[in-house]
Amino acid sequence: MPLTEPALSDEQRRGAACAYCGLPVSTGSAVDLGVRHDTDGVRIFLRAHQGCLPGGAR
């Protein structure tokens, strides 16, 4: 996945905004991309809109 942690906003890093487009995501419609660790070892909680996933997966 071509996401680079330093380029992500605080909202994206905590799962409140889409990891790809940066717009807010809701709990019911978000795709959980899992817990990851950034380069500092801090856990980040990435989520995305279904339509923003590579290939537009649903």
PDB file of N, CA and C in Angstrom:
ATOM      1  N   MET A   1       0.849  -1.177   0.000  1.00  0.00           N
ATOM      2  CA  MET A   1       0.000   0.000   0.000  1.00  0.00           C
ATOM      3  C   MET A   1       0.891   1.236   0.000  1.00  0.00           C
ATOM      4  N   PRO A   2       0.697   2.135  -0.929  1.00  0.00           N
ATOM      5  CA  PRO A   2       1.593   3.289  -1.053  1.00  0.00           C
ATOM      6  C   PRO A   2       1.239   4.437  -0.115  1.00  0.00           C
ATOM      7  N   LEU A   3       1.121   4.171   1.173  1.00  0.00           N
ATOM      8  CA  LEU A   3       0.848   5.218   2.152  1.00  0.00           C
ATOM      9  C   LEU A   3       2.136   5.495   2.909  1.00  0.00           C
ATOM     10  N   THR A   4       2.517   6.736   2.970  1.00  0.00           N
ATOM     11  CA  THR A   4       3.710   7.093   3.725  1.00  0.00           C
ATOM     12  C   THR A   4       3.290   7.850   4.972  1.00  0.00           C
ATOM     13  N   GLU A   5       3.630   7.326   6.105  1.00  0.00           N
ATOM     14  CA  GLU A   5       3.165   7.865   7.374  1.00  0.00           C
ATOM     15  C   GLU A   5       3.465   9.351   7.576  1.00  0.00           C
ATOM     16  N   PRO A   6       4.653   9.851   7.249  1.00  0.00           N
ATOM     17  CA  PRO A   6       4.908  11.274   7.496  1.00  0.00           C
ATOM     18  C   PRO A   6       3.949  12.199   6.738  1.00  0.00           C
ATOM     19  N   ALA A   7       3.392  11.738   5.634  1.00  0.00           N
ATOM     20  CA  ALA A   7       2.494  12.559   4.838  1.00  0.00           C
ATOM     21  C   ALA A   7       1.050  12.510   5.343  1.00  0.00           C
ATOM     22  N   LEU A   8       0.752  11.633   6.287  1.00  0.00           N
ATOM     23  CA  LEU A   8      -0.606  11.502   6.799  1.00  0.00           C
ATOM     24  C   LEU A   8      -0.886  12.548   7.872  1.00  0.00           C
ATOM     25  N   SER A   9      -2.124  13.047   7.880  1.00  0.00           N
ATOM     26  CA  SER A   9      -2.527  14.004   8.911  1.00  0.00           C
ATOM     27  C   SER A   9      -2.799  13.259  10.222  1.00  0.00           C
ATOM     28  N   ASP A  10      -2.927  14.005  11.292  1.00  0.00           N
ATOM     29  CA  ASP A  10      -3.268  13.390  12.574  1.00  0.00           C
ATOM     30  C   ASP A  10      -4.597  12.654  12.480  1.00  0.00           C
ATOM     31  N   GLU A  11      -5.576  13.232  11.768  1.00  0.00           N
ATOM     32  CA  GLU A  11      -6.880  12.597  11.615  1.00  0.00           C
ATOM     33  C   GLU A  11      -6.773  11.272  10.865  1.00  0.00           C
ATOM     34  N   GLN A  12      -5.932  11.237   9.839  1.00  0.00           N
ATOM     35  CA  GLN A  12      -5.732   9.999   9.094  1.00  0.00           C
ATOM     36  C   GLN A  12      -5.038   8.950   9.967  1.00  0.00           C
ATOM     37  N   ARG A  13      -4.072   9.375  10.749  1.00  0.00           N
ATOM     38  CA  ARG A  13      -3.310   8.455  11.580  1.00  0.00           C
ATOM     39  C   ARG A  13      -4.163   7.822  12.680  1.00  0.00           C
ATOM     40  N   ARG A  14      -5.207   8.523  13.134  1.00  0.00           N
ATOM     41  CA  ARG A  14      -6.058   7.956  14.181  1.00  0.00           C
ATOM     42  C   ARG A  14      -7.345   7.344  13.634  1.00  0.00           C
ATOM     43  N   GLY A  15      -7.504   7.312  12.308  1.00  0.00           N
ATOM     44  CA  GLY A  15      -8.640   6.643  11.684  1.00  0.00           C
ATOM     45  C   GLY A  15      -9.892   7.480  11.545  1.00  0.00           C
ATOM     46  N   ALA A  16      -9.809   8.773  11.795  1.00  0.00           N
ATOM     47  CA  ALA A  16     -10.974   9.650  11.664  1.00  0.00           C
ATOM     48  C   ALA A  16     -11.159  10.144  10.232  1.00  0.00           C
ATOM     49  N   ALA A  17     -10.110  10.058   9.435  1.00  0.00           N
ATOM     50  CA  ALA A  17     -10.161  10.498   8.037  1.00  0.00           C
ATOM     51  C   ALA A  17      -9.587   9.401   7.150  1.00  0.00           C
ATOM     52  N   CYS A  18     -10.050   9.365   5.930  1.00  0.00           N
ATOM     53  CA  CYS A  18      -9.591   8.370   4.954  1.00  0.00           C
ATOM     54  C   CYS A  18      -8.079   8.486   4.739  1.00  0.00           C
ATOM     55  N   ALA A  19      -7.405   7.361   4.773  1.00  0.00           N
ATOM     56  CA  ALA A  19      -5.956   7.334   4.587  1.00  0.00           C
ATOM     57  C   ALA A  19      -5.550   7.776   3.178  1.00  0.00           C
ATOM     58  N   TYR A  20      -6.475   7.732   2.225  1.00  0.00           N
ATOM     59  CA  TYR A  20      -6.154   8.098   0.847  1.00  0.00           C
ATOM     60  C   TYR A  20      -6.569   9.526   0.496  1.00  0.00           C
ATOM     61  N   CYS A  21      -7.842   9.875   0.742  1.00  0.00           N
ATOM     62  CA  CYS A  21      -8.315  11.193   0.300  1.00  0.00           C
ATOM     63  C   CYS A  21      -8.322  12.229   1.417  1.00  0.00           C
ATOM     64  N   GLY A  22      -8.267  11.799   2.659  1.00  0.00           N
ATOM     65  CA  GLY A  22      -8.222  12.720   3.786  1.00  0.00           C
ATOM     66  C   GLY A  22      -9.567  13.236   4.270  1.00  0.00           C
ATOM     67  N   LEU A  23     -10.654  12.837   3.613  1.00  0.00           N
ATOM     68  CA  LEU A  23     -11.984  13.259   4.053  1.00  0.00           C
ATOM     69  C   LEU A  23     -12.430  12.398   5.235  1.00  0.00           C
ATOM     70  N   PRO A  24     -13.305  12.931   6.092  1.00  0.00           N
ATOM     71  CA  PRO A  24     -13.771  12.161   7.251  1.00  0.00           C
ATOM     72  C   PRO A  24     -14.430  10.841   6.847  1.00  0.00           C
ATOM     73  N   VAL A  25     -14.265   9.822   7.673  1.00  0.00           N
ATOM     74  CA  VAL A  25     -14.912   8.526   7.459  1.00  0.00           C
ATOM     75  C   VAL A  25     -15.831   8.241   8.643  1.00  0.00           C
ATOM     76  N   SER A  26     -16.913   7.525   8.372  1.00  0.00           N
ATOM     77  CA  SER A  26     -17.822   7.137   9.444  1.00  0.00           C
ATOM     78  C   SER A  26     -17.550   5.684   9.807  1.00  0.00           C
ATOM     79  N   THR A  27     -17.898   5.340  11.007  1.00  0.00           N
ATOM     80  CA  THR A  27     -17.656   3.976  11.490  1.00  0.00           C
ATOM     81  C   THR A  27     -18.360   2.943  10.617  1.00  0.00           C
ATOM     82  N   GLY A  28     -19.582   3.237  10.189  1.00  0.00           N
ATOM     83  CA  GLY A  28     -20.355   2.272   9.417  1.00  0.00           C
ATOM     84  C   GLY A  28     -19.877   2.052   7.990  1.00  0.00           C
ATOM     85  N   SER A  29     -19.237   3.040   7.399  1.00  0.00           N
ATOM     86  CA  SER A  29     -18.855   2.906   5.987  1.00  0.00           C
ATOM     87  C   SER A  29     -17.345   2.776   5.767  1.00  0.00           C
ATOM     88  N   ALA A  30     -16.566   2.896   6.811  1.00  0.00           N
ATOM     89  CA  ALA A  30     -15.105   2.854   6.656  1.00  0.00           C
ATOM     90  C   ALA A  30     -14.599   1.422   6.508  1.00  0.00           C
ATOM     91  N   VAL A  31     -13.532   1.271   5.758  1.00  0.00           N
ATOM     92  CA  VAL A  31     -12.829   0.002   5.647  1.00  0.00           C
ATOM     93  C   VAL A  31     -11.622   0.094   6.574  1.00  0.00           C
ATOM     94  N   ASP A  32     -11.545  -0.810   7.517  1.00  0.00           N
ATOM     95  CA  ASP A  32     -10.435  -0.829   8.468  1.00  0.00           C
ATOM     96  C   ASP A  32      -9.200  -1.387   7.772  1.00  0.00           C
ATOM     97  N   LEU A  33      -8.149  -0.610   7.730  1.00  0.00           N
ATOM     98  CA  LEU A  33      -6.907  -1.052   7.091  1.00  0.00           C
ATOM     99  C   LEU A  33      -5.927  -1.638   8.103  1.00  0.00           C
ATOM    100  N   GLY A  34      -6.354  -1.709   9.342  1.00  0.00           N
ATOM    101  CA  GLY A  34      -5.543  -2.342  10.370  1.00  0.00           C
ATOM    102  C   GLY A  34      -4.636  -1.378  11.107  1.00  0.00           C
ATOM    103  N   VAL A  35      -4.167  -1.874  12.218  1.00  0.00           N
ATOM    104  CA  VAL A  35      -3.218  -1.124  13.036  1.00  0.00           C
ATOM    105  C   VAL A  35      -1.834  -1.322  12.426  1.00  0.00           C
ATOM    106  N   ARG A  36      -1.115  -0.239  12.307  1.00  0.00           N
ATOM    107  CA  ARG A  36       0.250  -0.291  11.773  1.00  0.00           C
ATOM    108  C   ARG A  36       1.152   0.505  12.690  1.00  0.00           C
ATOM    109  N   HIS A  37       2.415   0.443  12.435  1.00  0.00           N
ATOM    110  CA  HIS A  37       3.388   1.226  13.207  1.00  0.00           C
ATOM    111  C   HIS A  37       4.103   2.155  12.246  1.00  0.00           C
ATOM    112  N   ASP A  38       4.174   3.432  12.623  1.00  0.00           N
ATOM    113  CA  ASP A  38       4.894   4.369  11.765  1.00  0.00           C
ATOM    114  C   ASP A  38       6.393   4.216  12.011  1.00  0.00           C
ATOM    115  N   THR A  39       7.173   5.058  11.401  1.00  0.00           N
ATOM    116  CA  THR A  39       8.629   4.939  11.489  1.00  0.00           C
ATOM    117  C   THR A  39       9.154   5.175  12.901  1.00  0.00           C
ATOM    118  N   ASP A  40       8.358   5.837  13.757  1.00  0.00           N
ATOM    119  CA  ASP A  40       8.745   6.062  15.155  1.00  0.00           C
ATOM    120  C   ASP A  40       8.307   4.926  16.062  1.00  0.00           C
ATOM    121  N   GLY A  41       7.588   3.944  15.516  1.00  0.00           N
ATOM    122  CA  GLY A  41       7.064   2.850  16.310  1.00  0.00           C
ATOM    123  C   GLY A  41       5.707   3.142  16.928  1.00  0.00           C
ATOM    124  N   VAL A  42       5.153   4.332  16.662  1.00  0.00           N
ATOM    125  CA  VAL A  42       3.848   4.712  17.183  1.00  0.00           C
ATOM    126  C   VAL A  42       2.769   3.993  16.378  1.00  0.00           C
ATOM    127  N   ARG A  43       1.765   3.460  17.072  1.00  0.00           N
ATOM    128  CA  ARG A  43       0.672   2.776  16.377  1.00  0.00           C
ATOM    129  C   ARG A  43      -0.240   3.787  15.705  1.00  0.00           C
ATOM    130  N   ILE A  44      -0.633   3.478  14.460  1.00  0.00           N
ATOM    131  CA  ILE A  44      -1.596   4.289  13.733  1.00  0.00           C
ATOM    132  C   ILE A  44      -2.731   3.370  13.302  1.00  0.00           C
ATOM    133  N   PHE A  45      -3.912   3.939  13.159  1.00  0.00           N
ATOM    134  CA  PHE A  45      -5.129   3.175  12.916  1.00  0.00           C
ATOM    135  C   PHE A  45      -5.752   3.643  11.607  1.00  0.00           C
ATOM    136  N   LEU A  46      -5.321   3.065  10.512  1.00  0.00           N
ATOM    137  CA  LEU A  46      -5.749   3.530   9.201  1.00  0.00           C
ATOM    138  C   LEU A  46      -7.111   2.978   8.802  1.00  0.00           C
ATOM    139  N   ARG A  47      -7.926   3.868   8.231  1.00  0.00           N
ATOM    140  CA  ARG A  47      -9.218   3.492   7.662  1.00  0.00           C
ATOM    141  C   ARG A  47      -9.378   4.240   6.342  1.00  0.00           C
ATOM    142  N   ALA A  48     -10.277   3.745   5.505  1.00  0.00           N
ATOM    143  CA  ALA A  48     -10.477   4.364   4.187  1.00  0.00           C
ATOM    144  C   ALA A  48     -11.922   4.227   3.747  1.00  0.00           C
ATOM    145  N   HIS A  49     -12.310   5.063   2.780  1.00  0.00           N
ATOM    146  CA  HIS A  49     -13.592   4.894   2.107  1.00  0.00           C
ATOM    147  C   HIS A  49     -13.433   3.711   1.151  1.00  0.00           C
ATOM    148  N   GLN A  50     -14.480   2.963   0.957  1.00  0.00           N
ATOM    149  CA  GLN A  50     -14.414   1.821   0.046  1.00  0.00           C
ATOM    150  C   GLN A  50     -13.977   2.238  -1.346  1.00  0.00           C
ATOM    151  N   GLY A  51     -14.519   3.352  -1.844  1.00  0.00           N
ATOM    152  CA  GLY A  51     -14.198   3.819  -3.187  1.00  0.00           C
ATOM    153  C   GLY A  51     -12.780   4.341  -3.343  1.00  0.00           C
ATOM    154  N   CYS A  52     -12.091   4.614  -2.249  1.00  0.00           N
ATOM    155  CA  CYS A  52     -10.727   5.124  -2.327  1.00  0.00           C
ATOM    156  C   CYS A  52      -9.674   4.022  -2.356  1.00  0.00           C
ATOM    157  N   LEU A  53     -10.086   2.791  -2.073  1.00  0.00           N
ATOM    158  CA  LEU A  53      -9.123   1.696  -2.087  1.00  0.00           C
ATOM    159  C   LEU A  53      -8.596   1.495  -3.506  1.00  0.00           C
ATOM    160  N   PRO A  54      -7.340   1.071  -3.635  1.00  0.00           N
ATOM    161  CA  PRO A  54      -6.789   0.823  -4.971  1.00  0.00           C
ATOM    162  C   PRO A  54      -7.719  -0.096  -5.766  1.00  0.00           C
ATOM    163  N   GLY A  55      -8.055   0.313  -6.941  1.00  0.00           N
ATOM    164  CA  GLY A  55      -8.960  -0.471  -7.794  1.00  0.00           C
ATOM    165  C   GLY A  55     -10.420  -0.248  -7.463  1.00  0.00           C
ATOM    166  N   GLY A  56     -10.713   0.619  -6.480  1.00  0.00           N
ATOM    167  CA  GLY A  56     -12.092   0.900  -6.119  1.00  0.00           C
ATOM    168  C   GLY A  56     -12.814  -0.294  -5.512  1.00  0.00           C
ATOM    169  N   ALA A  57     -12.078  -1.172  -4.842  1.00  0.00           N
ATOM    170  CA  ALA A  57     -12.659  -2.379  -4.236  1.00  0.00           C
ATOM    171  C   ALA A  57     -13.827  -2.025  -3.333  1.00  0.00           C
ATOM    172  N   ARG A  58     -14.814  -2.870  -3.282  1.00  0.00           N
ATOM    173  CA  ARG A  58     -15.979  -2.661  -2.416  1.00  0.00           C
ATOM    174  C   ARG A  58     -16.233  -3.855  -1.558  1.00  0.00           C
TER     175      ARG A  58
END
